[in-house]
Amino acid sequence: MPGLAECQSLLRLLIARGDPKAIPIAKGAIDQYLNTAPVSARGRGLRVLQRDALDQHDLAVGVQRSFAETVDAYIERKLAEE
C-alpha cells in the first residue's frame, strides 16, 4: 500500500515522543496516506494503522498513551467516513 509504511513509521515515532504539539503532524500523515492510497486500500490501511496505534497504546504510559488514543480516535473518524 503506497505510503502506509511511511505513515506507520512516523506515527510510531510521534506516539513514542508523545508531544501534543505533534498531533497535527500525525493527522496530516494519516490524511496524506488517504490522499495517496487507492480507494480500495484505504480502509484496510487505516485498520493497520489503528491496530498499530492500539498496540503502542498498550505499551505506553502518560503522554504517549494519550497521544496514541488521539491517533486512534482520528483514525476511527476517518474509518467512519470511508
N, C-alpha and C. Protein backbone atom coordinates (compact mmCIF):
# COMPACT_ATOMS: atom_id res chain seq x y z
N MET A 1 0.84 -1.17 0.00
CA MET A 1 0.00 0.00 0.00
C MET A 1 0.89 1.24 0.00
N PRO A 2 0.66 2.12 -0.95
CA PRO A 2 1.52 3.30 -1.06
C PRO A 2 1.47 4.16 0.20
N GLY A 3 2.63 4.48 0.71
CA GLY A 3 2.71 5.40 1.83
C GLY A 3 2.35 4.82 3.18
N LEU A 4 1.85 3.61 3.22
CA LEU A 4 1.42 3.05 4.50
C LEU A 4 2.60 2.86 5.45
N ALA A 5 3.68 2.29 4.96
CA ALA A 5 4.84 2.05 5.83
C ALA A 5 5.42 3.36 6.35
N GLU A 6 5.47 4.37 5.50
CA GLU A 6 5.99 5.67 5.92
C GLU A 6 5.09 6.29 6.98
N CYS A 7 3.80 6.22 6.77
CA CYS A 7 2.84 6.76 7.73
C CYS A 7 2.95 6.03 9.06
N GLN A 8 3.02 4.72 9.00
CA GLN A 8 3.11 3.90 10.20
C GLN A 8 4.39 4.23 10.98
N SER A 9 5.50 4.37 10.28
CA SER A 9 6.76 4.70 10.95
C SER A 9 6.69 6.06 11.63
N LEU A 10 6.12 7.04 10.93
CA LEU A 10 6.00 8.37 11.51
C LEU A 10 5.08 8.36 12.72
N LEU A 11 3.95 7.67 12.62
CA LEU A 11 3.03 7.61 13.76
C LEU A 11 3.69 6.94 14.97
N ARG A 12 4.46 5.89 14.74
CA ARG A 12 5.16 5.24 15.85
C ARG A 12 6.12 6.21 16.53
N LEU A 13 6.86 6.95 15.73
CA LEU A 13 7.80 7.92 16.27
C LEU A 13 7.08 9.00 17.08
N LEU A 14 6.00 9.52 16.51
CA LEU A 14 5.25 10.58 17.19
C LEU A 14 4.61 10.09 18.48
N ILE A 15 4.08 8.87 18.46
CA ILE A 15 3.49 8.31 19.68
C ILE A 15 4.56 8.13 20.73
N ALA A 16 5.73 7.64 20.33
CA ALA A 16 6.83 7.44 21.28
C ALA A 16 7.25 8.76 21.93
N ARG A 17 7.22 9.82 21.16
CA ARG A 17 7.57 11.13 21.71
C ARG A 17 6.45 11.69 22.58
N GLY A 18 5.21 11.48 22.16
CA GLY A 18 4.07 11.91 22.95
C GLY A 18 3.88 13.40 23.06
N ASP A 19 4.42 14.17 22.13
CA ASP A 19 4.31 15.63 22.17
C ASP A 19 2.96 16.06 21.61
N PRO A 20 2.09 16.63 22.46
CA PRO A 20 0.76 17.04 21.98
C PRO A 20 0.82 18.04 20.82
N LYS A 21 1.90 18.78 20.72
CA LYS A 21 2.03 19.74 19.62
C LYS A 21 2.20 19.04 18.28
N ALA A 22 2.51 17.75 18.30
CA ALA A 22 2.72 16.99 17.06
C ALA A 22 1.45 16.31 16.57
N ILE A 23 0.34 16.50 17.25
CA ILE A 23 -0.91 15.88 16.80
C ILE A 23 -1.28 16.31 15.38
N PRO A 24 -1.14 17.59 15.02
CA PRO A 24 -1.43 17.96 13.63
C PRO A 24 -0.54 17.23 12.62
N ILE A 25 0.69 16.93 13.00
CA ILE A 25 1.58 16.19 12.10
C ILE A 25 1.06 14.77 11.91
N ALA A 26 0.61 14.15 12.99
CA ALA A 26 0.05 12.80 12.91
C ALA A 26 -1.20 12.78 12.04
N LYS A 27 -2.08 13.74 12.24
CA LYS A 27 -3.29 13.81 11.43
C LYS A 27 -2.94 14.06 9.97
N GLY A 28 -1.95 14.90 9.74
CA GLY A 28 -1.52 15.19 8.37
C GLY A 28 -0.96 13.95 7.69
N ALA A 29 -0.21 13.14 8.44
CA ALA A 29 0.34 11.90 7.87
C ALA A 29 -0.77 10.94 7.48
N ILE A 30 -1.78 10.84 8.33
CA ILE A 30 -2.93 9.97 8.03
C ILE A 30 -3.67 10.49 6.80
N ASP A 31 -3.90 11.80 6.77
CA ASP A 31 -4.59 12.39 5.61
C ASP A 31 -3.78 12.21 4.33
N GLN A 32 -2.47 12.36 4.42
CA GLN A 32 -1.62 12.18 3.24
C GLN A 32 -1.70 10.73 2.76
N TYR A 33 -1.68 9.79 3.69
CA TYR A 33 -1.84 8.39 3.30
C TYR A 33 -3.17 8.21 2.55
N LEU A 34 -4.24 8.76 3.10
CA LEU A 34 -5.55 8.61 2.47
C LEU A 34 -5.59 9.25 1.09
N ASN A 35 -4.88 10.35 0.93
CA ASN A 35 -4.87 11.05 -0.36
C ASN A 35 -4.08 10.31 -1.43
N THR A 36 -3.14 9.47 -1.01
CA THR A 36 -2.30 8.78 -1.98
C THR A 36 -2.66 7.31 -2.18
N ALA A 37 -3.36 6.73 -1.23
CA ALA A 37 -3.70 5.31 -1.31
C ALA A 37 -4.88 5.10 -2.27
N PRO A 38 -4.87 3.98 -2.97
CA PRO A 38 -6.04 3.64 -3.79
C PRO A 38 -7.29 3.51 -2.90
N VAL A 39 -8.41 3.90 -3.44
CA VAL A 39 -9.65 3.86 -2.68
C VAL A 39 -9.89 2.47 -2.08
N SER A 40 -9.58 1.44 -2.84
CA SER A 40 -9.84 0.07 -2.37
C SER A 40 -8.95 -0.33 -1.20
N ALA A 41 -7.86 0.38 -0.98
CA ALA A 41 -6.92 0.01 0.09
C ALA A 41 -7.03 0.89 1.32
N ARG A 42 -7.79 1.96 1.25
CA ARG A 42 -7.83 2.93 2.36
C ARG A 42 -8.32 2.34 3.67
N GLY A 43 -9.43 1.67 3.65
CA GLY A 43 -10.00 1.11 4.88
C GLY A 43 -9.07 0.09 5.51
N ARG A 44 -8.52 -0.78 4.70
CA ARG A 44 -7.60 -1.79 5.21
C ARG A 44 -6.35 -1.13 5.79
N GLY A 45 -5.82 -0.13 5.10
CA GLY A 45 -4.65 0.59 5.59
C GLY A 45 -4.93 1.31 6.90
N LEU A 46 -6.10 1.94 6.99
CA LEU A 46 -6.46 2.61 8.24
C LEU A 46 -6.55 1.62 9.39
N ARG A 47 -7.07 0.44 9.12
CA ARG A 47 -7.16 -0.57 10.19
C ARG A 47 -5.77 -1.04 10.63
N VAL A 48 -4.83 -1.12 9.68
CA VAL A 48 -3.44 -1.47 10.03
C VAL A 48 -2.86 -0.39 10.93
N LEU A 49 -3.06 0.86 10.55
CA LEU A 49 -2.56 1.97 11.36
C LEU A 49 -3.22 2.00 12.73
N GLN A 50 -4.51 1.74 12.77
CA GLN A 50 -5.23 1.75 14.04
C GLN A 50 -4.75 0.63 14.95
N ARG A 51 -4.58 -0.56 14.40
CA ARG A 51 -4.09 -1.69 15.21
C ARG A 51 -2.70 -1.38 15.78
N ASP A 52 -1.86 -0.77 14.96
CA ASP A 52 -0.53 -0.42 15.41
C ASP A 52 -0.59 0.64 16.52
N ALA A 53 -1.44 1.63 16.36
CA ALA A 53 -1.60 2.66 17.39
C ALA A 53 -2.11 2.05 18.69
N LEU A 54 -3.03 1.10 18.58
CA LEU A 54 -3.56 0.45 19.79
C LEU A 54 -2.50 -0.42 20.46
N ASP A 55 -1.66 -1.07 19.66
CA ASP A 55 -0.56 -1.84 20.22
C ASP A 55 0.40 -0.92 20.98
N GLN A 56 0.69 0.23 20.39
CA GLN A 56 1.55 1.20 21.06
C GLN A 56 0.89 1.72 22.33
N HIS A 57 -0.41 1.93 22.27
CA HIS A 57 -1.18 2.39 23.42
C HIS A 57 -1.03 1.43 24.58
N ASP A 58 -1.10 0.14 24.29
CA ASP A 58 -1.00 -0.87 25.33
C ASP A 58 0.35 -0.85 26.04
N LEU A 59 1.39 -0.41 25.33
CA LEU A 59 2.74 -0.38 25.89
C LEU A 59 3.11 0.98 26.49
N ALA A 60 2.29 1.99 26.22
CA ALA A 60 2.64 3.35 26.59
C ALA A 60 2.09 3.75 27.96
N VAL A 61 2.64 4.85 28.45
CA VAL A 61 2.15 5.47 29.68
C VAL A 61 2.10 6.98 29.46
N GLY A 62 1.32 7.65 30.27
CA GLY A 62 1.30 9.11 30.26
C GLY A 62 0.96 9.73 28.93
N VAL A 63 1.81 10.68 28.52
CA VAL A 63 1.53 11.44 27.30
C VAL A 63 1.57 10.56 26.06
N GLN A 64 2.40 9.53 26.07
CA GLN A 64 2.44 8.63 24.91
C GLN A 64 1.11 7.90 24.75
N ARG A 65 0.56 7.49 25.88
CA ARG A 65 -0.73 6.79 25.86
C ARG A 65 -1.84 7.72 25.35
N SER A 66 -1.82 8.94 25.83
CA SER A 66 -2.81 9.92 25.40
C SER A 66 -2.68 10.22 23.90
N PHE A 67 -1.45 10.33 23.43
CA PHE A 67 -1.21 10.58 22.00
C PHE A 67 -1.76 9.42 21.18
N ALA A 68 -1.48 8.19 21.60
CA ALA A 68 -1.98 7.01 20.89
C ALA A 68 -3.50 7.00 20.86
N GLU A 69 -4.14 7.41 21.94
CA GLU A 69 -5.61 7.47 21.99
C GLU A 69 -6.13 8.50 20.99
N THR A 70 -5.44 9.63 20.89
CA THR A 70 -5.84 10.67 19.95
C THR A 70 -5.71 10.17 18.52
N VAL A 71 -4.61 9.48 18.21
CA VAL A 71 -4.42 8.92 16.88
C VAL A 71 -5.52 7.90 16.58
N ASP A 72 -5.81 7.05 17.54
CA ASP A 72 -6.86 6.03 17.36
C ASP A 72 -8.21 6.70 17.08
N ALA A 73 -8.54 7.72 17.84
CA ALA A 73 -9.82 8.41 17.65
C ALA A 73 -9.89 9.06 16.26
N TYR A 74 -8.80 9.63 15.81
CA TYR A 74 -8.79 10.26 14.48
C TYR A 74 -8.97 9.20 13.39
N ILE A 75 -8.27 8.09 13.54
CA ILE A 75 -8.42 7.00 12.56
C ILE A 75 -9.85 6.48 12.57
N GLU A 76 -10.43 6.34 13.74
CA GLU A 76 -11.82 5.87 13.85
C GLU A 76 -12.76 6.80 13.09
N ARG A 77 -12.56 8.12 13.21
CA ARG A 77 -13.38 9.07 12.47
C ARG A 77 -13.18 8.89 10.96
N LYS A 78 -11.95 8.69 10.55
CA LYS A 78 -11.66 8.51 9.13
C LYS A 78 -12.29 7.22 8.61
N LEU A 79 -12.27 6.16 9.41
CA LEU A 79 -12.92 4.92 9.01
C LEU A 79 -14.41 5.11 8.84
N ALA A 80 -15.03 5.90 9.71
CA ALA A 80 -16.45 6.15 9.61
C ALA A 80 -16.80 6.92 8.33
N GLU A 81 -15.86 7.71 7.85
CA GLU A 81 -16.08 8.49 6.62
C GLU A 81 -15.90 7.64 5.36
N GLU A 82 -15.19 6.53 5.47
CA GLU A 82 -14.90 5.70 4.29
C GLU A 82 -16.15 4.99 3.81
